[in-house]
Full PDB file with SEQRES, HELIX, SHEET, SSBOND, CRYST1, ORIGX, SCALE, CONECT and MASTER records, all heavy atoms in Angstrom:
SEQRES   1 A   30  VAL PHE ARG LEU PRO VAL SER LYS ASP LEU ILE GLY ARG          
SEQRES   2 A   30  ILE LEU ALA GLY ASN GLY LYS PRO ARG ASP GLY GLY PRO          
SEQRES   3 A   30  ASP ILE VAL PRO                                              
HELIX    1 AA1 LYS A    8  LEU A   10  5                                   3    
CRYST1    1.000    1.000    1.000  90.00  90.00  90.00 P 1           1          
ORIGX1      1.000000  0.000000  0.000000        0.00000                         
ORIGX2      0.000000  1.000000  0.000000        0.00000                         
ORIGX3      0.000000  0.000000  1.000000        0.00000                         
SCALE1      1.000000  0.000000  0.000000        0.00000                         
SCALE2      0.000000  1.000000  0.000000        0.00000                         
SCALE3      0.000000  0.000000  1.000000        0.00000                         
ATOM      1  N   VAL A   1       0.849  -1.194   0.000  1.00  0.00           N  
ATOM      2  CA  VAL A   1       0.000   0.000   0.000  1.00  0.00           C  
ATOM      3  C   VAL A   1       0.883   1.242   0.000  1.00  0.00           C  
ATOM      4  O   VAL A   1       2.103   1.159   0.182  1.00  0.00           O  
ATOM      5  CB  VAL A   1      -0.940   0.003   1.231  1.00  0.00           C  
ATOM      6  CG1 VAL A   1      -1.928  -1.133   1.145  1.00  0.00           C  
ATOM      7  CG2 VAL A   1      -0.142  -0.057   2.526  1.00  0.00           C  
ATOM      8  N   PHE A   2       0.245   2.401  -0.180  1.00  0.00           N  
ATOM      9  CA  PHE A   2       0.994   3.665  -0.221  1.00  0.00           C  
ATOM     10  C   PHE A   2       1.536   3.974   1.177  1.00  0.00           C  
ATOM     11  O   PHE A   2       0.793   3.979   2.151  1.00  0.00           O  
ATOM     12  CB  PHE A   2       0.064   4.794  -0.673  1.00  0.00           C  
ATOM     13  CG  PHE A   2       0.777   5.941  -1.316  1.00  0.00           C  
ATOM     14  CD1 PHE A   2       0.673   6.180  -2.668  1.00  0.00           C  
ATOM     15  CD2 PHE A   2       1.571   6.805  -0.558  1.00  0.00           C  
ATOM     16  CE1 PHE A   2       1.334   7.236  -3.271  1.00  0.00           C  
ATOM     17  CE2 PHE A   2       2.240   7.852  -1.140  1.00  0.00           C  
ATOM     18  CZ  PHE A   2       2.118   8.077  -2.513  1.00  0.00           C  
ATOM     19  N   ARG A   3       2.832   4.222   1.263  1.00  0.00           N  
ATOM     20  CA  ARG A   3       3.457   4.526   2.553  1.00  0.00           C  
ATOM     21  C   ARG A   3       4.272   5.816   2.457  1.00  0.00           C  
ATOM     22  O   ARG A   3       4.851   6.120   1.415  1.00  0.00           O  
ATOM     23  CB  ARG A   3       4.365   3.374   3.001  1.00  0.00           C  
ATOM     24  CG  ARG A   3       3.616   2.082   3.250  1.00  0.00           C  
ATOM     25  CD  ARG A   3       4.536   0.960   3.725  1.00  0.00           C  
ATOM     26  NE  ARG A   3       3.817  -0.299   3.815  1.00  0.00           N  
ATOM     27  CZ  ARG A   3       3.113  -0.684   4.878  1.00  0.00           C  
ATOM     28  NH1 ARG A   3       3.064   0.107   5.945  1.00  0.00           N  
ATOM     29  NH2 ARG A   3       2.482  -1.834   4.894  1.00  0.00           N  
ATOM     30  N   LEU A   4       4.294   6.544   3.566  1.00  0.00           N  
ATOM     31  CA  LEU A   4       5.055   7.794   3.642  1.00  0.00           C  
ATOM     32  C   LEU A   4       6.322   7.561   4.458  1.00  0.00           C  
ATOM     33  O   LEU A   4       6.265   7.014   5.562  1.00  0.00           O  
ATOM     34  CB  LEU A   4       4.211   8.889   4.322  1.00  0.00           C  
ATOM     35  CG  LEU A   4       4.923  10.228   4.570  1.00  0.00           C  
ATOM     36  CD1 LEU A   4       5.130  10.971   3.254  1.00  0.00           C  
ATOM     37  CD2 LEU A   4       4.104  11.100   5.539  1.00  0.00           C  
ATOM     38  N   PRO A   5       7.497   7.950   3.927  1.00  0.00           N  
ATOM     39  CA  PRO A   5       8.704   7.878   4.750  1.00  0.00           C  
ATOM     40  C   PRO A   5       8.639   8.922   5.858  1.00  0.00           C  
ATOM     41  O   PRO A   5       8.481  10.121   5.571  1.00  0.00           O  
ATOM     42  CB  PRO A   5       9.834   8.188   3.757  1.00  0.00           C  
ATOM     43  CG  PRO A   5       9.183   8.914   2.630  1.00  0.00           C  
ATOM     44  CD  PRO A   5       7.771   8.435   2.570  1.00  0.00           C  
ATOM     45  N   VAL A   6       8.712   8.503   7.122  1.00  0.00           N  
ATOM     46  CA  VAL A   6       8.561   9.442   8.240  1.00  0.00           C  
ATOM     47  C   VAL A   6       9.820   9.482   9.101  1.00  0.00           C  
ATOM     48  O   VAL A   6      10.474   8.466   9.336  1.00  0.00           O  
ATOM     49  CB  VAL A   6       7.338   9.077   9.122  1.00  0.00           C  
ATOM     50  CG1 VAL A   6       6.036   9.328   8.388  1.00  0.00           C  
ATOM     51  CG2 VAL A   6       7.395   7.632   9.597  1.00  0.00           C  
ATOM     52  N   SER A   7      10.164  10.676   9.537  1.00  0.00           N  
ATOM     53  CA  SER A   7      11.216  10.902  10.524  1.00  0.00           C  
ATOM     54  C   SER A   7      11.043  12.340  11.003  1.00  0.00           C  
ATOM     55  O   SER A   7      10.252  13.110  10.434  1.00  0.00           O  
ATOM     56  CB  SER A   7      12.609  10.692   9.935  1.00  0.00           C  
ATOM     57  OG  SER A   7      12.994  11.805   9.151  1.00  0.00           O  
ATOM     58  N   LYS A   8      11.796  12.732  12.020  1.00  0.00           N  
ATOM     59  CA  LYS A   8      11.714  14.102  12.513  1.00  0.00           C  
ATOM     60  C   LYS A   8      12.248  15.097  11.488  1.00  0.00           C  
ATOM     61  O   LYS A   8      12.021  16.303  11.605  1.00  0.00           O  
ATOM     62  CB  LYS A   8      12.466  14.238  13.837  1.00  0.00           C  
ATOM     63  CG  LYS A   8      11.762  13.516  14.984  1.00  0.00           C  
ATOM     64  CD  LYS A   8      12.547  13.569  16.272  1.00  0.00           C  
ATOM     65  CE  LYS A   8      12.471  14.939  16.918  1.00  0.00           C  
ATOM     66  NZ  LYS A   8      13.066  14.934  18.280  1.00  0.00           N  
ATOM     67  N   ASP A   9      12.944  14.589  10.459  1.00  0.00           N  
ATOM     68  CA  ASP A   9      13.442  15.474   9.387  1.00  0.00           C  
ATOM     69  C   ASP A   9      12.309  16.076   8.566  1.00  0.00           C  
ATOM     70  O   ASP A   9      12.544  16.989   7.764  1.00  0.00           O  
ATOM     71  CB  ASP A   9      14.367  14.686   8.440  1.00  0.00           C  
ATOM     72  CG  ASP A   9      15.654  14.254   9.129  1.00  0.00           C  
ATOM     73  OD1 ASP A   9      15.989  14.845  10.166  1.00  0.00           O  
ATOM     74  OD2 ASP A   9      16.311  13.315   8.642  1.00  0.00           O  
ATOM     75  N   LEU A  10      11.075  15.582   8.744  1.00  0.00           N  
ATOM     76  CA  LEU A  10       9.929  16.174   8.047  1.00  0.00           C  
ATOM     77  C   LEU A  10       9.735  17.635   8.448  1.00  0.00           C  
ATOM     78  O   LEU A  10       9.289  18.460   7.640  1.00  0.00           O  
ATOM     79  CB  LEU A  10       8.649  15.393   8.366  1.00  0.00           C  
ATOM     80  CG  LEU A  10       8.451  14.034   7.675  1.00  0.00           C  
ATOM     81  CD1 LEU A  10       7.334  13.265   8.352  1.00  0.00           C  
ATOM     82  CD2 LEU A  10       8.150  14.237   6.186  1.00  0.00           C  
ATOM     83  N   ILE A  11      10.057  17.967   9.703  1.00  0.00           N  
ATOM     84  CA  ILE A  11       9.823  19.328  10.209  1.00  0.00           C  
ATOM     85  C   ILE A  11      10.712  20.311   9.450  1.00  0.00           C  
ATOM     86  O   ILE A  11      11.912  20.114   9.312  1.00  0.00           O  
ATOM     87  CB  ILE A  11      10.090  19.400  11.730  1.00  0.00           C  
ATOM     88  CG1 ILE A  11       9.140  18.454  12.470  1.00  0.00           C  
ATOM     89  CG2 ILE A  11       9.918  20.827  12.243  1.00  0.00           C  
ATOM     90  CD1 ILE A  11       9.424  18.332  13.957  1.00  0.00           C  
ATOM     91  N   GLY A  12      10.066  21.365   8.938  1.00  0.00           N  
ATOM     92  CA  GLY A  12      10.792  22.375   8.175  1.00  0.00           C  
ATOM     93  C   GLY A  12      10.811  22.112   6.678  1.00  0.00           C  
ATOM     94  O   GLY A  12      11.411  22.879   5.928  1.00  0.00           O  
ATOM     95  N   ARG A  13      10.141  21.036   6.235  1.00  0.00           N  
ATOM     96  CA  ARG A  13      10.188  20.673   4.810  1.00  0.00           C  
ATOM     97  C   ARG A  13       8.874  21.022   4.102  1.00  0.00           C  
ATOM     98  O   ARG A  13       7.810  21.085   4.714  1.00  0.00           O  
ATOM     99  CB  ARG A  13      10.447  19.173   4.652  1.00  0.00           C  
ATOM    100  CG  ARG A  13      11.801  18.706   5.160  1.00  0.00           C  
ATOM    101  CD  ARG A  13      12.962  19.345   4.423  1.00  0.00           C  
ATOM    102  NE  ARG A  13      12.917  19.107   2.987  1.00  0.00           N  
ATOM    103  CZ  ARG A  13      13.433  18.028   2.392  1.00  0.00           C  
ATOM    104  NH1 ARG A  13      14.023  17.087   3.121  1.00  0.00           N  
ATOM    105  NH2 ARG A  13      13.361  17.879   1.074  1.00  0.00           N  
ATOM    106  N   ILE A  14       8.978  21.245   2.791  1.00  0.00           N  
ATOM    107  CA  ILE A  14       7.818  21.452   1.922  1.00  0.00           C  
ATOM    108  C   ILE A  14       7.783  20.286   0.941  1.00  0.00           C  
ATOM    109  O   ILE A  14       8.735  20.049   0.199  1.00  0.00           O  
ATOM    110  CB  ILE A  14       7.917  22.787   1.150  1.00  0.00           C  
ATOM    111  CG1 ILE A  14       8.060  23.961   2.123  1.00  0.00           C  
ATOM    112  CG2 ILE A  14       6.692  22.987   0.269  1.00  0.00           C  
ATOM    113  CD1 ILE A  14       8.325  25.294   1.448  1.00  0.00           C  
ATOM    114  N   LEU A  15       6.676  19.536   0.983  1.00  0.00           N  
ATOM    115  CA  LEU A  15       6.535  18.345   0.141  1.00  0.00           C  
ATOM    116  C   LEU A  15       5.374  18.533  -0.826  1.00  0.00           C  
ATOM    117  O   LEU A  15       4.431  19.292  -0.551  1.00  0.00           O  
ATOM    118  CB  LEU A  15       6.296  17.109   1.007  1.00  0.00           C  
ATOM    119  CG  LEU A  15       7.332  16.846   2.111  1.00  0.00           C  
ATOM    120  CD1 LEU A  15       6.880  15.698   2.997  1.00  0.00           C  
ATOM    121  CD2 LEU A  15       8.695  16.532   1.507  1.00  0.00           C  
ATOM    122  N   ALA A  16       5.429  17.856  -1.952  1.00  0.00           N  
ATOM    123  CA  ALA A  16       4.332  17.889  -2.909  1.00  0.00           C  
ATOM    124  C   ALA A  16       3.171  17.035  -2.393  1.00  0.00           C  
ATOM    125  O   ALA A  16       3.304  16.320  -1.387  1.00  0.00           O  
ATOM    126  CB  ALA A  16       4.814  17.387  -4.271  1.00  0.00           C  
ATOM    127  N   GLY A  17       2.052  17.102  -3.116  1.00  0.00           N  
ATOM    128  CA  GLY A  17       0.867  16.354  -2.698  1.00  0.00           C  
ATOM    129  C   GLY A  17       1.031  14.861  -2.747  1.00  0.00           C  
ATOM    130  O   GLY A  17       0.221  14.114  -2.191  1.00  0.00           O  
ATOM    131  N   ASN A  18       2.110  14.380  -3.398  1.00  0.00           N  
ATOM    132  CA  ASN A  18       2.367  12.930  -3.432  1.00  0.00           C  
ATOM    133  C   ASN A  18       3.479  12.519  -2.462  1.00  0.00           C  
ATOM    134  O   ASN A  18       3.932  11.384  -2.467  1.00  0.00           O  
ATOM    135  CB  ASN A  18       2.731  12.486  -4.853  1.00  0.00           C  
ATOM    136  CG  ASN A  18       3.949  13.220  -5.403  1.00  0.00           C  
ATOM    137  OD1 ASN A  18       4.613  13.964  -4.674  1.00  0.00           O  
ATOM    138  ND2 ASN A  18       4.232  13.014  -6.676  1.00  0.00           N  
ATOM    139  N   GLY A  19       3.950  13.479  -1.637  1.00  0.00           N  
ATOM    140  CA  GLY A  19       4.950  13.164  -0.626  1.00  0.00           C  
ATOM    141  C   GLY A  19       6.389  13.389  -1.065  1.00  0.00           C  
ATOM    142  O   GLY A  19       7.316  13.245  -0.265  1.00  0.00           O  
ATOM    143  N   LYS A  20       6.601  13.756  -2.347  1.00  0.00           N  
ATOM    144  CA  LYS A  20       7.962  14.012  -2.834  1.00  0.00           C  
ATOM    145  C   LYS A  20       8.378  15.444  -2.469  1.00  0.00           C  
ATOM    146  O   LYS A  20       7.541  16.336  -2.419  1.00  0.00           O  
ATOM    147  CB  LYS A  20       8.030  13.837  -4.351  1.00  0.00           C  
ATOM    148  CG  LYS A  20       7.656  12.436  -4.837  1.00  0.00           C  
ATOM    149  CD  LYS A  20       8.777  11.452  -4.576  1.00  0.00           C  
ATOM    150  CE  LYS A  20       8.539  10.128  -5.282  1.00  0.00           C  
ATOM    151  NZ  LYS A  20       7.434   9.355  -4.742  1.00  0.00           N  
ATOM    152  N   PRO A  21       9.680  15.700  -2.218  1.00  0.00           N  
ATOM    153  CA  PRO A  21      10.117  17.055  -1.847  1.00  0.00           C  
ATOM    154  C   PRO A  21       9.782  18.080  -2.936  1.00  0.00           C  
ATOM    155  O   PRO A  21       9.963  17.823  -4.127  1.00  0.00           O  
ATOM    156  CB  PRO A  21      11.633  16.911  -1.686  1.00  0.00           C  
ATOM    157  CG  PRO A  21      11.853  15.463  -1.381  1.00  0.00           C  
ATOM    158  CD  PRO A  21      10.800  14.734  -2.149  1.00  0.00           C  
ATOM    159  N   ARG A  22       9.243  19.236  -2.499  1.00  0.00           N  
ATOM    160  CA  ARG A  22       8.930  20.330  -3.419  1.00  0.00           C  
ATOM    161  C   ARG A  22       9.890  21.500  -3.214  1.00  0.00           C  
ATOM    162  O   ARG A  22       9.926  22.436  -4.010  1.00  0.00           O  
ATOM    163  CB  ARG A  22       7.476  20.791  -3.205  1.00  0.00           C  
ATOM    164  CG  ARG A  22       6.983  21.815  -4.205  1.00  0.00           C  
ATOM    165  CD  ARG A  22       5.582  22.285  -3.863  1.00  0.00           C  
ATOM    166  NE  ARG A  22       4.558  21.405  -4.362  1.00  0.00           N  
ATOM    167  CZ  ARG A  22       4.060  21.434  -5.609  1.00  0.00           C  
ATOM    168  NH1 ARG A  22       4.542  22.302  -6.477  1.00  0.00           N  
ATOM    169  NH2 ARG A  22       3.120  20.619  -5.980  1.00  0.00           N  
ATOM    170  N   ASP A  23      10.660  21.465  -2.116  1.00  0.00           N  
ATOM    171  CA  ASP A  23      11.501  22.604  -1.752  1.00  0.00           C  
ATOM    172  C   ASP A  23      12.920  22.511  -2.307  1.00  0.00           C  
ATOM    173  O   ASP A  23      13.786  23.324  -1.975  1.00  0.00           O  
ATOM    174  CB  ASP A  23      11.559  22.756  -0.232  1.00  0.00           C  
ATOM    175  CG  ASP A  23      11.982  21.456   0.470  1.00  0.00           C  
ATOM    176  OD1 ASP A  23      12.413  20.512  -0.221  1.00  0.00           O  
ATOM    177  OD2 ASP A  23      11.872  21.398   1.708  1.00  0.00           O  
ATOM    178  N   GLY A  24      13.181  21.511  -3.160  1.00  0.00           N  
ATOM    179  CA  GLY A  24      14.521  21.372  -3.720  1.00  0.00           C  
ATOM    180  C   GLY A  24      15.497  20.665  -2.802  1.00  0.00           C  
ATOM    181  O   GLY A  24      16.664  20.475  -3.149  1.00  0.00           O  
ATOM    182  N   GLY A  25      15.031  20.261  -1.628  1.00  0.00           N  
ATOM    183  CA  GLY A  25      15.888  19.567  -0.672  1.00  0.00           C  
ATOM    184  C   GLY A  25      15.989  18.077  -0.977  1.00  0.00           C  
ATOM    185  O   GLY A  25      15.338  17.563  -1.896  1.00  0.00           O  
ATOM    186  N   PRO A  26      16.788  17.357  -0.191  1.00  0.00           N  
ATOM    187  CA  PRO A  26      16.956  15.915  -0.422  1.00  0.00           C  
ATOM    188  C   PRO A  26      15.712  15.131  -0.018  1.00  0.00           C  
ATOM    189  O   PRO A  26      14.835  15.648   0.678  1.00  0.00           O  
ATOM    190  CB  PRO A  26      18.136  15.562   0.490  1.00  0.00           C  
ATOM    191  CG  PRO A  26      18.078  16.580   1.588  1.00  0.00           C  
ATOM    192  CD  PRO A  26      17.581  17.848   0.955  1.00  0.00           C  
ATOM    193  N   ASP A  27      15.638  13.893  -0.460  1.00  0.00           N  
ATOM    194  CA  ASP A  27      14.557  13.013  -0.014  1.00  0.00           C  
ATOM    195  C   ASP A  27      14.637  12.823   1.495  1.00  0.00           C  
ATOM    196  O   ASP A  27      15.725  12.902   2.089  1.00  0.00           O  
ATOM    197  CB  ASP A  27      14.660  11.652  -0.704  1.00  0.00           C  
ATOM    198  CG  ASP A  27      14.274  11.726  -2.177  1.00  0.00           C  
ATOM    199  OD1 ASP A  27      13.668  12.743  -2.567  1.00  0.00           O  
ATOM    200  OD2 ASP A  27      14.606  10.780  -2.921  1.00  0.00           O  
ATOM    201  N   ILE A  28      13.481  12.569   2.112  1.00  0.00           N  
ATOM    202  CA  ILE A  28      13.440  12.308   3.551  1.00  0.00           C  
ATOM    203  C   ILE A  28      14.143  10.980   3.838  1.00  0.00           C  
ATOM    204  O   ILE A  28      13.851   9.963   3.194  1.00  0.00           O  
ATOM    205  CB  ILE A  28      11.982  12.242   4.059  1.00  0.00           C  
ATOM    206  CG1 ILE A  28      11.223  13.543   3.730  1.00  0.00           C  
ATOM    207  CG2 ILE A  28      11.937  11.951   5.552  1.00  0.00           C  
ATOM    208  CD1 ILE A  28      11.744  14.774   4.414  1.00  0.00           C  
ATOM    209  N   VAL A  29      15.084  11.001   4.784  1.00  0.00           N  
ATOM    210  CA  VAL A  29      15.714   9.753   5.227  1.00  0.00           C  
ATOM    211  C   VAL A  29      14.783   9.132   6.273  1.00  0.00           C  
ATOM    212  O   VAL A  29      14.629   9.671   7.368  1.00  0.00           O  
ATOM    213  CB  VAL A  29      17.104  10.007   5.830  1.00  0.00           C  
ATOM    214  CG1 VAL A  29      17.713   8.708   6.318  1.00  0.00           C  
ATOM    215  CG2 VAL A  29      18.010  10.675   4.794  1.00  0.00           C  
ATOM    216  N   PRO A  30      14.120   8.028   5.949  1.00  0.00           N  
ATOM    217  CA  PRO A  30      13.045   7.559   6.816  1.00  0.00           C  
ATOM    218  C   PRO A  30      13.530   6.796   8.046  1.00  0.00           C  
ATOM    219  O   PRO A  30      14.519   6.060   7.991  1.00  0.00           O  
ATOM    220  CB  PRO A  30      12.241   6.629   5.907  1.00  0.00           C  
ATOM    221  CG  PRO A  30      13.237   6.130   4.917  1.00  0.00           C  
ATOM    222  CD  PRO A  30      14.249   7.221   4.728  1.00  0.00           C  
TER     223      PRO A  30                                                      
MASTER        0    0    0    1    0    0    0    6  222    1    0    3          
END                                                                             
């Protein structure tokens, strides 16, 4: 099923509606 990579690194990030980074930053290290 659809899963979101989660970690405290999410804080401060801007992600697209599909969970991919929109802010030009690296992928979330889950």
